[in-house]
C-alpha cells in the first residue's frame, strides 16, 4: 500500500510500513488539500474487492493471472484501526489467505 500511495502522490516517508502509509493518507484527507483524487485513483490497483463476514472470512471472485498479489484490509477496532497488507502468491484454483493478529498492523 505504501508504494501505491506514493504513486498516487501521497507523501509517504521512505521505509514506511503500510499502516504508516495509511496514516499519511489520513493526514492528507484531513488537510485543506483533501484526498479525493487519491481515493479516485485507488481502484485501478484493485483486482477485486469484498467484505469480510463476521468470522473474518471472505470469498473473492476474480479472473486474473497467477502471481504475486497483496491482500489489503482495514477493520475499525477499539483505540484505532487494524490493517493488513498481506502478500500472497496465487496459483490456479482455490487459494487461502489468512489475516491474523500476527500479520496485522495497528493504526493509531
PDB file of N, CA and C in Angstrom:
ATOM      1  N   UNK A   1       0.823  -1.189   0.000  1.00  0.00           N
ATOM      2  CA  UNK A   1       0.000   0.000   0.000  1.00  0.00           C
ATOM      3  C   UNK A   1       0.866   1.252   0.000  1.00  0.00           C
ATOM      4  N   UNK A   2       1.992   1.201   0.681  1.00  0.00           N
ATOM      5  CA  UNK A   2       2.857   2.376   0.730  1.00  0.00           C
ATOM      6  C   UNK A   2       3.322   2.784  -0.668  1.00  0.00           C
ATOM      7  N   UNK A   3       3.698   1.816  -1.500  1.00  0.00           N
ATOM      8  CA  UNK A   3       4.146   2.133  -2.857  1.00  0.00           C
ATOM      9  C   UNK A   3       2.999   2.694  -3.705  1.00  0.00           C
ATOM     10  N   UNK A   4       1.829   2.137  -3.585  1.00  0.00           N
ATOM     11  CA  UNK A   4       0.671   2.626  -4.345  1.00  0.00           C
ATOM     12  C   UNK A   4       0.351   4.067  -3.956  1.00  0.00           C
ATOM     13  N   UNK A   5       0.337   4.342  -2.667  1.00  0.00           N
ATOM     14  CA  UNK A   5       0.040   5.705  -2.222  1.00  0.00           C
ATOM     15  C   UNK A   5       1.095   6.689  -2.712  1.00  0.00           C
ATOM     16  N   UNK A   6       2.348   6.280  -2.729  1.00  0.00           N
ATOM     17  CA  UNK A   6       3.399   7.147  -3.284  1.00  0.00           C
ATOM     18  C   UNK A   6       3.121   7.437  -4.755  1.00  0.00           C
ATOM     19  N   UNK A   7       2.785   6.390  -5.516  1.00  0.00           N
ATOM     20  CA  UNK A   7       2.493   6.560  -6.939  1.00  0.00           C
ATOM     21  C   UNK A   7       1.324   7.516  -7.161  1.00  0.00           C
ATOM     22  N   UNK A   8       0.394   7.539  -6.218  1.00  0.00           N
ATOM     23  CA  UNK A   8      -0.773   8.418  -6.330  1.00  0.00           C
ATOM     24  C   UNK A   8      -0.509   9.826  -5.800  1.00  0.00           C
ATOM     25  N   UNK A   9       0.681  10.059  -5.264  1.00  0.00           N
ATOM     26  CA  UNK A   9       1.045  11.406  -4.855  1.00  0.00           C
ATOM     27  C   UNK A   9       1.001  11.703  -3.369  1.00  0.00           C
ATOM     28  N   UNK A  10       0.813  10.685  -2.534  1.00  0.00           N
ATOM     29  CA  UNK A  10       0.821  10.896  -1.095  1.00  0.00           C
ATOM     30  C   UNK A  10       2.277  10.926  -0.616  1.00  0.00           C
ATOM     31  N   UNK A  11       2.587  11.866   0.250  1.00  0.00           N
ATOM     32  CA  UNK A  11       3.947  11.989   0.790  1.00  0.00           C
ATOM     33  C   UNK A  11       4.152  10.929   1.869  1.00  0.00           C
ATOM     34  N   UNK A  12       4.538   9.744   1.435  1.00  0.00           N
ATOM     35  CA  UNK A  12       4.777   8.631   2.347  1.00  0.00           C
ATOM     36  C   UNK A  12       6.282   8.549   2.594  1.00  0.00           C
ATOM     37  N   UNK A  13       6.707   8.585   3.865  1.00  0.00           N
ATOM     38  CA  UNK A  13       8.136   8.515   4.162  1.00  0.00           C
ATOM     39  C   UNK A  13       8.774   7.230   3.629  1.00  0.00           C
ATOM     40  N   UNK A  14      10.050   7.314   3.291  1.00  0.00           N
ATOM     41  CA  UNK A  14      10.790   6.121   2.874  1.00  0.00           C
ATOM     42  C   UNK A  14      10.749   5.097   3.991  1.00  0.00           C
ATOM     43  N   UNK A  15      10.680   3.844   3.638  1.00  0.00           N
ATOM     44  CA  UNK A  15      10.645   2.722   4.589  1.00  0.00           C
ATOM     45  C   UNK A  15       9.427   2.734   5.499  1.00  0.00           C
ATOM     46  N   UNK A  16       8.369   3.430   5.108  1.00  0.00           N
ATOM     47  CA  UNK A  16       7.141   3.438   5.911  1.00  0.00           C
ATOM     48  C   UNK A  16       6.466   2.070   5.845  1.00  0.00           C
ATOM     49  N   UNK A  17       5.863   1.678   6.932  1.00  0.00           N
ATOM     50  CA  UNK A  17       5.055   0.461   6.945  1.00  0.00           C
ATOM     51  C   UNK A  17       3.724   0.781   6.267  1.00  0.00           C
ATOM     52  N   UNK A  18       2.953  -0.236   5.891  1.00  0.00           N
ATOM     53  CA  UNK A  18       1.641   0.046   5.315  1.00  0.00           C
ATOM     54  C   UNK A  18       0.750   0.891   6.239  1.00  0.00           C
ATOM     55  N   UNK A  19       0.797   0.646   7.536  1.00  0.00           N
ATOM     56  CA  UNK A  19      -0.015   1.441   8.465  1.00  0.00           C
ATOM     57  C   UNK A  19       0.451   2.895   8.503  1.00  0.00           C
ATOM     58  N   UNK A  20       1.752   3.108   8.463  1.00  0.00           N
ATOM     59  CA  UNK A  20       2.263   4.479   8.434  1.00  0.00           C
ATOM     60  C   UNK A  20       1.862   5.174   7.130  1.00  0.00           C
ATOM     61  N   UNK A  21       1.818   4.423   6.032  1.00  0.00           N
ATOM     62  CA  UNK A  21       1.361   4.987   4.755  1.00  0.00           C
ATOM     63  C   UNK A  21      -0.104   5.387   4.847  1.00  0.00           C
ATOM     64  N   UNK A  22      -0.916   4.548   5.487  1.00  0.00           N
ATOM     65  CA  UNK A  22      -2.332   4.880   5.653  1.00  0.00           C
ATOM     66  C   UNK A  22      -2.502   6.093   6.563  1.00  0.00           C
ATOM     67  N   UNK A  23      -1.657   6.235   7.546  1.00  0.00           N
ATOM     68  CA  UNK A  23      -1.700   7.409   8.424  1.00  0.00           C
ATOM     69  C   UNK A  23      -1.383   8.671   7.608  1.00  0.00           C
ATOM     70  N   UNK A  24      -0.421   8.581   6.687  1.00  0.00           N
ATOM     71  CA  UNK A  24      -0.109   9.717   5.811  1.00  0.00           C
ATOM     72  C   UNK A  24      -1.314  10.064   4.940  1.00  0.00           C
ATOM     73  N   UNK A  25      -2.024   9.038   4.451  1.00  0.00           N
ATOM     74  CA  UNK A  25      -3.240   9.288   3.665  1.00  0.00           C
ATOM     75  C   UNK A  25      -4.302   9.941   4.539  1.00  0.00           C
ATOM     76  N   UNK A  26      -4.471   9.452   5.752  1.00  0.00           N
ATOM     77  CA  UNK A  26      -5.454  10.024   6.672  1.00  0.00           C
ATOM     78  C   UNK A  26      -5.145  11.494   6.943  1.00  0.00           C
ATOM     79  N   UNK A  27      -3.883  11.812   7.153  1.00  0.00           N
ATOM     80  CA  UNK A  27      -3.475  13.198   7.390  1.00  0.00           C
ATOM     81  C   UNK A  27      -3.817  14.060   6.181  1.00  0.00           C
ATOM     82  N   UNK A  28      -3.524  13.549   4.982  1.00  0.00           N
ATOM     83  CA  UNK A  28      -3.850  14.284   3.759  1.00  0.00           C
ATOM     84  C   UNK A  28      -5.355  14.496   3.629  1.00  0.00           C
ATOM     85  N   UNK A  29      -6.136  13.484   3.942  1.00  0.00           N
ATOM     86  CA  UNK A  29      -7.601  13.593   3.834  1.00  0.00           C
ATOM     87  C   UNK A  29      -8.166  14.659   4.762  1.00  0.00           C
ATOM     88  N   UNK A  30      -7.515  14.878   5.899  1.00  0.00           N
ATOM     89  CA  UNK A  30      -7.984  15.880   6.854  1.00  0.00           C
ATOM     90  C   UNK A  30      -7.354  17.254   6.624  1.00  0.00           C
ATOM     91  N   UNK A  31      -6.551  17.385   5.579  1.00  0.00           N
ATOM     92  CA  UNK A  31      -5.927  18.670   5.259  1.00  0.00           C
ATOM     93  C   UNK A  31      -6.823  19.450   4.298  1.00  0.00           C
ATOM     94  N   UNK A  32      -6.561  20.746   4.127  1.00  0.00           N
ATOM     95  CA  UNK A  32      -7.342  21.523   3.160  1.00  0.00           C
ATOM     96  C   UNK A  32      -7.254  20.962   1.738  1.00  0.00           C
ATOM     97  N   UNK A  33      -6.131  20.340   1.395  1.00  0.00           N
ATOM     98  CA  UNK A  33      -5.963  19.754   0.055  1.00  0.00           C
ATOM     99  C   UNK A  33      -6.936  18.604  -0.166  1.00  0.00           C
ATOM    100  N   UNK A  34      -7.176  17.821   0.867  1.00  0.00           N
ATOM    101  CA  UNK A  34      -8.064  16.677   0.755  1.00  0.00           C
ATOM    102  C   UNK A  34      -7.429  15.529  -0.001  1.00  0.00           C
ATOM    103  N   UNK A  35      -8.189  14.449  -0.138  1.00  0.00           N
ATOM    104  CA  UNK A  35      -7.647  13.245  -0.766  1.00  0.00           C
ATOM    105  C   UNK A  35      -8.561  12.667  -1.834  1.00  0.00           C
ATOM    106  N   UNK A  36      -9.472  13.469  -2.354  1.00  0.00           N
ATOM    107  CA  UNK A  36     -10.424  12.979  -3.344  1.00  0.00           C
ATOM    108  C   UNK A  36      -9.725  12.348  -4.539  1.00  0.00           C
ATOM    109  N   UNK A  37      -8.716  13.019  -5.085  1.00  0.00           N
ATOM    110  CA  UNK A  37      -8.011  12.483  -6.259  1.00  0.00           C
ATOM    111  C   UNK A  37      -7.324  11.158  -5.936  1.00  0.00           C
ATOM    112  N   UNK A  38      -6.784  11.044  -4.741  1.00  0.00           N
ATOM    113  CA  UNK A  38      -6.115   9.801  -4.336  1.00  0.00           C
ATOM    114  C   UNK A  38      -7.146   8.675  -4.267  1.00  0.00           C
ATOM    115  N   UNK A  39      -8.261   8.926  -3.625  1.00  0.00           N
ATOM    116  CA  UNK A  39      -9.288   7.901  -3.472  1.00  0.00           C
ATOM    117  C   UNK A  39      -9.846   7.477  -4.830  1.00  0.00           C
ATOM    118  N   UNK A  40      -9.962   8.409  -5.740  1.00  0.00           N
ATOM    119  CA  UNK A  40     -10.453   8.082  -7.076  1.00  0.00           C
ATOM    120  C   UNK A  40      -9.424   7.282  -7.874  1.00  0.00           C
ATOM    121  N   UNK A  41      -8.134   7.409  -7.534  1.00  0.00           N
ATOM    122  CA  UNK A  41      -7.085   6.685  -8.232  1.00  0.00           C
ATOM    123  C   UNK A  41      -6.851   5.274  -7.729  1.00  0.00           C
ATOM    124  N   UNK A  42      -7.300   4.956  -6.525  1.00  0.00           N
ATOM    125  CA  UNK A  42      -7.045   3.634  -5.947  1.00  0.00           C
ATOM    126  C   UNK A  42      -7.643   2.466  -6.731  1.00  0.00           C
ATOM    127  N   UNK A  43      -8.867   2.566  -7.259  1.00  0.00           N
ATOM    128  CA  UNK A  43      -9.464   1.398  -7.910  1.00  0.00           C
ATOM    129  C   UNK A  43      -8.658   0.801  -9.065  1.00  0.00           C
ATOM    130  N   UNK A  44      -7.815   1.572  -9.710  1.00  0.00           N
ATOM    131  CA  UNK A  44      -7.042   0.987 -10.817  1.00  0.00           C
ATOM    132  C   UNK A  44      -6.042  -0.065 -10.324  1.00  0.00           C
ATOM    133  N   UNK A  45      -5.799  -0.102  -9.019  1.00  0.00           N
ATOM    134  CA  UNK A  45      -4.888  -1.092  -8.450  1.00  0.00           C
ATOM    135  C   UNK A  45      -5.617  -2.328  -7.940  1.00  0.00           C
ATOM    136  N   UNK A  46      -6.929  -2.332  -7.943  1.00  0.00           N
ATOM    137  CA  UNK A  46      -7.717  -3.445  -7.418  1.00  0.00           C
ATOM    138  C   UNK A  46      -7.906  -4.525  -8.482  1.00  0.00           C
ATOM    139  N   UNK A  47      -7.792  -5.772  -8.077  1.00  0.00           N
ATOM    140  CA  UNK A  47      -8.188  -6.887  -8.925  1.00  0.00           C
ATOM    141  C   UNK A  47      -9.632  -7.233  -8.603  1.00  0.00           C
ATOM    142  N   UNK A  48      -9.965  -7.197  -7.315  1.00  0.00           N
ATOM    143  CA  UNK A  48     -11.331  -7.430  -6.858  1.00  0.00           C
ATOM    144  C   UNK A  48     -11.468  -6.864  -5.453  1.00  0.00           C
ATOM    145  N   UNK A  49     -12.673  -6.713  -4.997  1.00  0.00           N
ATOM    146  CA  UNK A  49     -12.929  -6.275  -3.630  1.00  0.00           C
ATOM    147  C   UNK A  49     -14.020  -7.143  -3.026  1.00  0.00           C
ATOM    148  N   UNK A  50     -14.060  -7.172  -1.706  1.00  0.00           N
ATOM    149  CA  UNK A  50     -15.095  -7.909  -0.992  1.00  0.00           C
ATOM    150  C   UNK A  50     -15.170  -7.372   0.424  1.00  0.00           C
ATOM    151  N   UNK A  51     -16.124  -7.844   1.169  1.00  0.00           N
ATOM    152  CA  UNK A  51     -16.243  -7.519   2.587  1.00  0.00           C
ATOM    153  C   UNK A  51     -16.075  -8.809   3.379  1.00  0.00           C
ATOM    154  N   UNK A  52     -15.411  -8.697   4.519  1.00  0.00           N
ATOM    155  CA  UNK A  52     -15.248  -9.844   5.402  1.00  0.00           C
ATOM    156  C   UNK A  52     -16.555 -10.107   6.138  1.00  0.00           C
ATOM    157  N   UNK A  53     -16.853 -11.385   6.394  1.00  0.00           N
ATOM    158  CA  UNK A  53     -18.033 -11.694   7.197  1.00  0.00           C
ATOM    159  C   UNK A  53     -17.681 -11.553   8.678  1.00  0.00           C
ATOM    160  N   UNK A  54     -18.618 -11.824   9.558  1.00  0.00           N
ATOM    161  CA  UNK A  54     -18.397 -11.621  10.988  1.00  0.00           C
ATOM    162  C   UNK A  54     -17.318 -12.540  11.561  1.00  0.00           C
ATOM    163  N   UNK A  55     -17.014 -13.615  10.855  1.00  0.00           N
ATOM    164  CA  UNK A  55     -15.940 -14.505  11.321  1.00  0.00           C
ATOM    165  C   UNK A  55     -14.600 -14.128  10.695  1.00  0.00           C
ATOM    166  N   UNK A  56     -14.595 -13.090   9.852  1.00  0.00           N
ATOM    167  CA  UNK A  56     -13.359 -12.648   9.225  1.00  0.00           C
ATOM    168  C   UNK A  56     -13.032 -13.356   7.932  1.00  0.00           C
ATOM    169  N   UNK A  57     -14.018 -14.037   7.355  1.00  0.00           N
ATOM    170  CA  UNK A  57     -13.790 -14.763   6.105  1.00  0.00           C
ATOM    171  C   UNK A  57     -14.452 -14.040   4.942  1.00  0.00           C
ATOM    172  N   UNK A  58     -13.869 -14.224   3.777  1.00  0.00           N
ATOM    173  CA  UNK A  58     -14.439 -13.669   2.557  1.00  0.00           C
ATOM    174  C   UNK A  58     -14.100 -14.586   1.401  1.00  0.00           C
ATOM    175  N   UNK A  59     -14.966 -14.611   0.427  1.00  0.00           N
ATOM    176  CA  UNK A  59     -14.696 -15.340  -0.799  1.00  0.00           C
ATOM    177  C   UNK A  59     -14.551 -14.318  -1.902  1.00  0.00           C
ATOM    178  N   UNK A  60     -13.450 -14.381  -2.599  1.00  0.00           N
ATOM    179  CA  UNK A  60     -13.183 -13.449  -3.685  1.00  0.00           C
ATOM    180  C   UNK A  60     -13.400 -14.158  -5.015  1.00  0.00           C
ATOM    181  N   UNK A  61     -14.003 -13.463  -5.936  1.00  0.00           N
ATOM    182  CA  UNK A  61     -14.152 -13.987  -7.280  1.00  0.00           C
ATOM    183  C   UNK A  61     -13.439 -13.037  -8.215  1.00  0.00           C
ATOM    184  N   UNK A  62     -12.387 -13.527  -8.824  1.00  0.00           N
ATOM    185  CA  UNK A  62     -11.632 -12.708  -9.766  1.00  0.00           C
ATOM    186  C   UNK A  62     -10.965 -13.626 -10.776  1.00  0.00           C
ATOM    187  N   UNK A  63     -10.945 -13.182 -11.991  1.00  0.00           N
ATOM    188  CA  UNK A  63     -10.213 -13.901 -13.018  1.00  0.00           C
ATOM    189  C   UNK A  63      -8.979 -13.079 -13.308  1.00  0.00           C
ATOM    190  N   UNK A  64      -7.842 -13.614 -12.959  1.00  0.00           N
ATOM    191  CA  UNK A  64      -6.588 -12.898 -13.142  1.00  0.00           C
ATOM    192  C   UNK A  64      -5.458 -13.893 -13.286  1.00  0.00           C
ATOM    193  N   UNK A  65      -4.328 -13.407 -13.674  1.00  0.00           N
ATOM    194  CA  UNK A  65      -3.160 -14.271 -13.844  1.00  0.00           C
ATOM    195  C   UNK A  65      -2.643 -14.740 -12.488  1.00  0.00           C
ATOM    196  N   UNK A  66      -2.019 -15.898 -12.478  1.00  0.00           N
ATOM    197  CA  UNK A  66      -1.351 -16.341 -11.269  1.00  0.00           C
ATOM    198  C   UNK A  66      -0.185 -15.399 -11.014  1.00  0.00           C
ATOM    199  N   UNK A  67       0.246 -15.329  -9.775  1.00  0.00           N
ATOM    200  CA  UNK A  67       1.376 -14.465  -9.459  1.00  0.00           C
ATOM    201  C   UNK A  67       1.260 -13.856  -8.085  1.00  0.00           C
ATOM    202  N   UNK A  68       2.098 -12.852  -7.852  1.00  0.00           N
ATOM    203  CA  UNK A  68       2.172 -12.183  -6.556  1.00  0.00           C
ATOM    204  C   UNK A  68       1.121 -11.083  -6.454  1.00  0.00           C
ATOM    205  N   UNK A  69       0.354 -11.095  -5.368  1.00  0.00           N
ATOM    206  CA  UNK A  69      -0.660 -10.084  -5.091  1.00  0.00           C
ATOM    207  C   UNK A  69      -0.560  -9.686  -3.627  1.00  0.00           C
ATOM    208  N   UNK A  70      -1.203  -8.583  -3.287  1.00  0.00           N
ATOM    209  CA  UNK A  70      -1.291  -8.147  -1.903  1.00  0.00           C
ATOM    210  C   UNK A  70      -2.761  -8.064  -1.531  1.00  0.00           C
ATOM    211  N   UNK A  71      -3.086  -8.592  -0.384  1.00  0.00           N
ATOM    212  CA  UNK A  71      -4.439  -8.516   0.147  1.00  0.00           C
ATOM    213  C   UNK A  71      -4.448  -7.450   1.221  1.00  0.00           C
ATOM    214  N   UNK A  72      -5.302  -6.475   1.042  1.00  0.00           N
ATOM    215  CA  UNK A  72      -5.346  -5.319   1.927  1.00  0.00           C
ATOM    216  C   UNK A  72      -6.703  -5.269   2.603  1.00  0.00           C
ATOM    217  N   UNK A  73      -6.705  -5.096   3.915  1.00  0.00           N
ATOM    218  CA  UNK A  73      -7.952  -4.990   4.673  1.00  0.00           C
ATOM    219  C   UNK A  73      -7.765  -3.985   5.791  1.00  0.00           C
ATOM    220  N   UNK A  74      -8.841  -3.261   6.084  1.00  0.00           N
ATOM    221  CA  UNK A  74      -8.857  -2.288   7.173  1.00  0.00           C
ATOM    222  C   UNK A  74     -10.105  -2.559   8.006  1.00  0.00           C
ATOM    223  N   UNK A  75      -9.917  -2.728   9.310  1.00  0.00           N
ATOM    224  CA  UNK A  75     -11.022  -3.009  10.222  1.00  0.00           C
ATOM    225  C   UNK A  75     -10.953  -2.024  11.387  1.00  0.00           C
ATOM    226  N   UNK A  76     -12.003  -1.233  11.617  1.00  0.00           N
ATOM    227  CA  UNK A  76     -12.016  -0.367  12.807  1.00  0.00           C
ATOM    228  C   UNK A  76     -12.034  -1.234  14.069  1.00  0.00           C
ATOM    229  N   UNK A  77     -11.304  -0.789  15.085  1.00  0.00           N
ATOM    230  CA  UNK A  77     -11.309  -1.510  16.361  1.00  0.00           C
ATOM    231  C   UNK A  77     -11.185  -0.496  17.491  1.00  0.00           C
ATOM    232  N   UNK A  78     -11.311  -0.974  18.701  1.00  0.00           N
ATOM    233  CA  UNK A  78     -11.182  -0.093  19.856  1.00  0.00           C
ATOM    234  C   UNK A  78      -9.789   0.531  19.875  1.00  0.00           C
ATOM    235  N   UNK A  79      -9.731   1.843  19.979  1.00  0.00           N
ATOM    236  CA  UNK A  79      -8.448   2.516  20.079  1.00  0.00           C
ATOM    237  C   UNK A  79      -7.701   2.671  18.777  1.00  0.00           C
ATOM    238  N   UNK A  80      -8.362   2.525  17.647  1.00  0.00           N
ATOM    239  CA  UNK A  80      -7.684   2.714  16.365  1.00  0.00           C
ATOM    240  C   UNK A  80      -8.239   1.819  15.292  1.00  0.00           C
ATOM    241  N   UNK A  81      -7.371   1.413  14.405  1.00  0.00           N
ATOM    242  CA  UNK A  81      -7.753   0.588  13.272  1.00  0.00           C
ATOM    243  C   UNK A  81      -6.710  -0.514  13.116  1.00  0.00           C
ATOM    244  N   UNK A  82      -7.165  -1.692  12.729  1.00  0.00           N
ATOM    245  CA  UNK A  82      -6.262  -2.789  12.426  1.00  0.00           C
ATOM    246  C   UNK A  82      -6.257  -2.954  10.917  1.00  0.00           C
ATOM    247  N   UNK A  83      -5.061  -3.112  10.345  1.00  0.00           N
ATOM    248  CA  UNK A  83      -4.989  -3.288   8.905  1.00  0.00           C
ATOM    249  C   UNK A  83      -4.017  -4.395   8.536  1.00  0.00           C
ATOM    250  N   UNK A  84      -4.251  -4.924   7.353  1.00  0.00           N
ATOM    251  CA  UNK A  84      -3.397  -5.966   6.802  1.00  0.00           C
ATOM    252  C   UNK A  84      -2.990  -5.561   5.395  1.00  0.00           C
ATOM    253  N   UNK A  85      -1.773  -5.879   5.041  1.00  0.00           N
ATOM    254  CA  UNK A  85      -1.242  -5.735   3.692  1.00  0.00           C
ATOM    255  C   UNK A  85      -0.423  -7.002   3.480  1.00  0.00           C
ATOM    256  N   UNK A  86      -1.119  -8.082   3.138  1.00  0.00           N
ATOM    257  CA  UNK A  86      -0.551  -9.422   3.168  1.00  0.00           C
ATOM    258  C   UNK A  86      -0.183  -9.883   1.755  1.00  0.00           C
ATOM    259  N   UNK A  87       1.104 -10.186   1.523  1.00  0.00           N
ATOM    260  CA  UNK A  87       1.488 -10.701   0.213  1.00  0.00           C
ATOM    261  C   UNK A  87       1.100 -12.175   0.081  1.00  0.00           C
ATOM    262  N   UNK A  88       0.717 -12.566  -1.124  1.00  0.00           N
ATOM    263  CA  UNK A  88       0.391 -13.964  -1.387  1.00  0.00           C
ATOM    264  C   UNK A  88       0.654 -14.263  -2.851  1.00  0.00           C
ATOM    265  N   UNK A  89       1.209 -15.414  -3.106  1.00  0.00           N
ATOM    266  CA  UNK A  89       1.392 -15.871  -4.473  1.00  0.00           C
ATOM    267  C   UNK A  89       0.221 -16.785  -4.795  1.00  0.00           C
ATOM    268  N   UNK A  90      -0.580 -16.385  -5.757  1.00  0.00           N
ATOM    269  CA  UNK A  90      -1.773 -17.146  -6.115  1.00  0.00           C
ATOM    270  C   UNK A  90      -1.471 -18.088  -7.276  1.00  0.00           C
ATOM    271  N   UNK A  91      -2.023 -19.281  -7.176  1.00  0.00           N
ATOM    272  CA  UNK A  91      -1.893 -20.293  -8.217  1.00  0.00           C
ATOM    273  C   UNK A  91      -3.285 -20.564  -8.778  1.00  0.00           C
ATOM    274  N   UNK A  92      -3.352 -21.268  -9.875  1.00  0.00           N
ATOM    275  CA  UNK A  92      -4.652 -21.628 -10.455  1.00  0.00           C
ATOM    276  C   UNK A  92      -5.451 -22.425  -9.430  1.00  0.00           C
ATOM    277  N   UNK A  93      -6.754 -22.191  -9.369  1.00  0.00           N
ATOM    278  CA  UNK A  93      -7.619 -22.902  -8.433  1.00  0.00           C
ATOM    279  C   UNK A  93      -7.849 -22.102  -7.165  1.00  0.00           C
ATOM    280  N   UNK A  94      -8.306 -22.787  -6.140  1.00  0.00           N
ATOM    281  CA  UNK A  94      -8.615 -22.133  -4.867  1.00  0.00           C
ATOM    282  C   UNK A  94      -7.337 -21.806  -4.107  1.00  0.00           C
ATOM    283  N   UNK A  95      -7.341 -20.650  -3.458  1.00  0.00           N
ATOM    284  CA  UNK A  95      -6.217 -20.202  -2.643  1.00  0.00           C
ATOM    285  C   UNK A  95      -6.771 -19.702  -1.323  1.00  0.00           C
ATOM    286  N   UNK A  96      -5.977 -19.779  -0.275  1.00  0.00           N
ATOM    287  CA  UNK A  96      -6.388 -19.281   1.030  1.00  0.00           C
ATOM    288  C   UNK A  96      -5.352 -18.277   1.522  1.00  0.00           C
ATOM    289  N   UNK A  97      -5.842 -17.133   1.981  1.00  0.00           N
ATOM    290  CA  UNK A  97      -5.011 -16.118   2.612  1.00  0.00           C
ATOM    291  C   UNK A  97      -5.624 -15.863   3.973  1.00  0.00           C
ATOM    292  N   UNK A  98      -4.824 -15.918   5.023  1.00  0.00           N
ATOM    293  CA  UNK A  98      -5.341 -15.776   6.381  1.00  0.00           C
ATOM    294  C   UNK A  98      -4.838 -14.486   7.003  1.00  0.00           C
ATOM    295  N   UNK A  99      -5.773 -13.696   7.527  1.00  0.00           N
ATOM    296  CA  UNK A  99      -5.443 -12.482   8.268  1.00  0.00           C
ATOM    297  C   UNK A  99      -5.472 -12.832   9.745  1.00  0.00           C
ATOM    298  N   UNK A 100      -4.367 -12.589  10.437  1.00  0.00           N
ATOM    299  CA  UNK A 100      -4.281 -12.870  11.865  1.00  0.00           C
ATOM    300  C   UNK A 100      -3.732 -11.640  12.575  1.00  0.00           C
ATOM    301  N   UNK A 101      -3.741 -11.673  13.882  1.00  0.00           N
ATOM    302  CA  UNK A 101      -3.112 -10.597  14.642  1.00  0.00           C
ATOM    303  C   UNK A 101      -1.615 -10.544  14.358  1.00  0.00           C
ATOM    304  N   UNK A 102      -1.023 -11.700  14.066  1.00  0.00           N
ATOM    305  CA  UNK A 102       0.422 -11.755  13.817  1.00  0.00           C
ATOM    306  C   UNK A 102       0.819 -11.037  12.515  1.00  0.00           C
ATOM    307  N   UNK A 103      -0.077 -11.009  11.511  1.00  0.00           N
ATOM    308  CA  UNK A 103       0.277 -10.343  10.269  1.00  0.00           C
ATOM    309  C   UNK A 103      -0.504  -9.032  10.085  1.00  0.00           C
ATOM    310  N   UNK A 104      -1.007  -8.505  11.189  1.00  0.00           N
ATOM    311  CA  UNK A 104      -1.736  -7.235  11.179  1.00  0.00           C
ATOM    312  C   UNK A 104      -0.843  -6.110  11.708  1.00  0.00           C
ATOM    313  N   UNK A 105      -1.283  -4.897  11.429  1.00  0.00           N
ATOM    314  CA  UNK A 105      -0.595  -3.718  11.967  1.00  0.00           C
ATOM    315  C   UNK A 105      -1.677  -2.769  12.476  1.00  0.00           C
ATOM    316  N   UNK A 106      -1.454  -2.191  13.617  1.00  0.00           N
ATOM    317  CA  UNK A 106      -2.429  -1.264  14.212  1.00  0.00           C
ATOM    318  C   UNK A 106      -2.104   0.162  13.789  1.00  0.00           C
ATOM    319  N   UNK A 107      -3.135   0.873  13.350  1.00  0.00           N
ATOM    320  CA  UNK A 107      -3.021   2.290  13.000  1.00  0.00           C
ATOM    321  C   UNK A 107      -3.645   3.064  14.147  1.00  0.00           C
ATOM    322  N   UNK A 108      -2.894   3.955  14.759  1.00  0.00           N
ATOM    323  CA  UNK A 108      -3.409   4.748  15.888  1.00  0.00           C
ATOM    324  C   UNK A 108      -3.827   6.121  15.419  1.00  0.00           C
TER     325      UNK A 108
END
